Amino acid sequence: MCLTCGCMDAHLEMGESNITYEDIKRAADENGRSVAETLEIMERTKAKDRQEHAEEYSAPIRS
């Protein structure tokens, strides 16, 4: 997509594991929510998970 790679193009497919706008839209539709609601739920979930699993949010060590 590139909601995740940093290219700033939410509709561009960049590999198999990046997330696109279309992925979020499908999830929103499946759950009967808007894209905005789905993104807000993701933010709230991230905040909760980050408190419980802070180590998973550390920057990766690059060589």
Protein backbone atom coordinates (compact mmCIF):
# COMPACT_ATOMS: atom_id res chain seq x y z
CA MET A 1 0.00 0.00 0.00
CA CYS A 2 2.09 2.11 1.41
CA LEU A 3 0.44 3.14 4.47
CA THR A 4 3.42 1.30 5.87
CA CYS A 5 6.54 1.68 3.70
CA GLY A 6 6.78 5.45 3.83
CA CYS A 7 6.20 6.24 0.15
CA MET A 8 3.08 8.22 1.13
CA ASP A 9 0.92 6.58 -1.57
CA ALA A 10 -1.89 4.79 0.27
CA HIS A 11 -2.99 2.86 -2.83
CA LEU A 12 0.38 1.68 -4.17
CA GLU A 13 1.14 -2.01 -3.71
CA MET A 14 4.70 -2.41 -2.48
CA GLY A 15 5.40 -6.07 -1.78
CA GLU A 16 3.34 -8.70 -0.03
CA SER A 17 3.37 -7.46 3.56
CA ASN A 18 2.67 -3.73 3.30
CA ILE A 19 -0.85 -2.47 4.03
CA THR A 20 -2.89 -0.50 1.51
CA TYR A 21 -5.95 1.70 1.85
CA GLU A 22 -7.88 -1.08 0.13
CA ASP A 23 -6.89 -3.50 2.92
CA ILE A 24 -8.22 -1.09 5.53
CA LYS A 25 -11.40 -0.54 3.49
CA ARG A 26 -12.04 -4.30 3.26
CA ALA A 27 -11.57 -4.66 7.03
CA ALA A 28 -13.89 -1.70 7.66
CA ASP A 29 -16.58 -3.12 5.39
CA GLU A 30 -16.29 -6.56 7.00
CA ASN A 31 -16.84 -5.00 10.42
CA GLY A 32 -19.60 -2.63 9.34
CA ARG A 33 -17.47 0.45 10.06
CA SER A 34 -16.04 3.38 8.13
CA VAL A 35 -12.38 3.63 7.22
CA ALA A 36 -12.04 6.50 9.72
CA GLU A 37 -13.56 4.38 12.51
CA THR A 38 -11.31 1.48 11.61
CA LEU A 39 -8.18 3.65 11.70
CA GLU A 40 -9.26 5.07 15.08
CA ILE A 41 -9.78 1.54 16.44
CA MET A 42 -6.31 0.63 15.17
CA GLU A 43 -4.83 3.67 16.95
CA ARG A 44 -6.58 2.82 20.22
CA THR A 45 -5.55 -0.82 19.94
CA LYS A 46 -1.95 0.20 19.24
CA ALA A 47 -1.88 2.48 22.28
CA LYS A 48 -3.23 -0.28 24.53
CA ASP A 49 -0.88 -2.90 23.10
CA ARG A 50 2.10 -0.56 23.33
CA GLN A 51 1.52 -0.20 27.07
CA GLU A 52 1.34 -3.95 27.51
CA HIS A 53 4.17 -4.89 25.11
CA ALA A 54 6.50 -1.87 24.93
CA GLU A 55 9.48 -4.00 23.91
CA GLU A 56 7.73 -4.97 20.67
CA TYR A 57 7.65 -1.29 19.66
CA SER A 58 11.39 -0.72 20.03
CA ALA A 59 13.30 0.27 16.92
CA PRO A 60 14.81 -2.72 15.10
CA ILE A 61 18.56 -3.14 15.43
CA ARG A 62 20.16 -2.71 12.03
CA SER A 63 23.67 -3.73 11.17
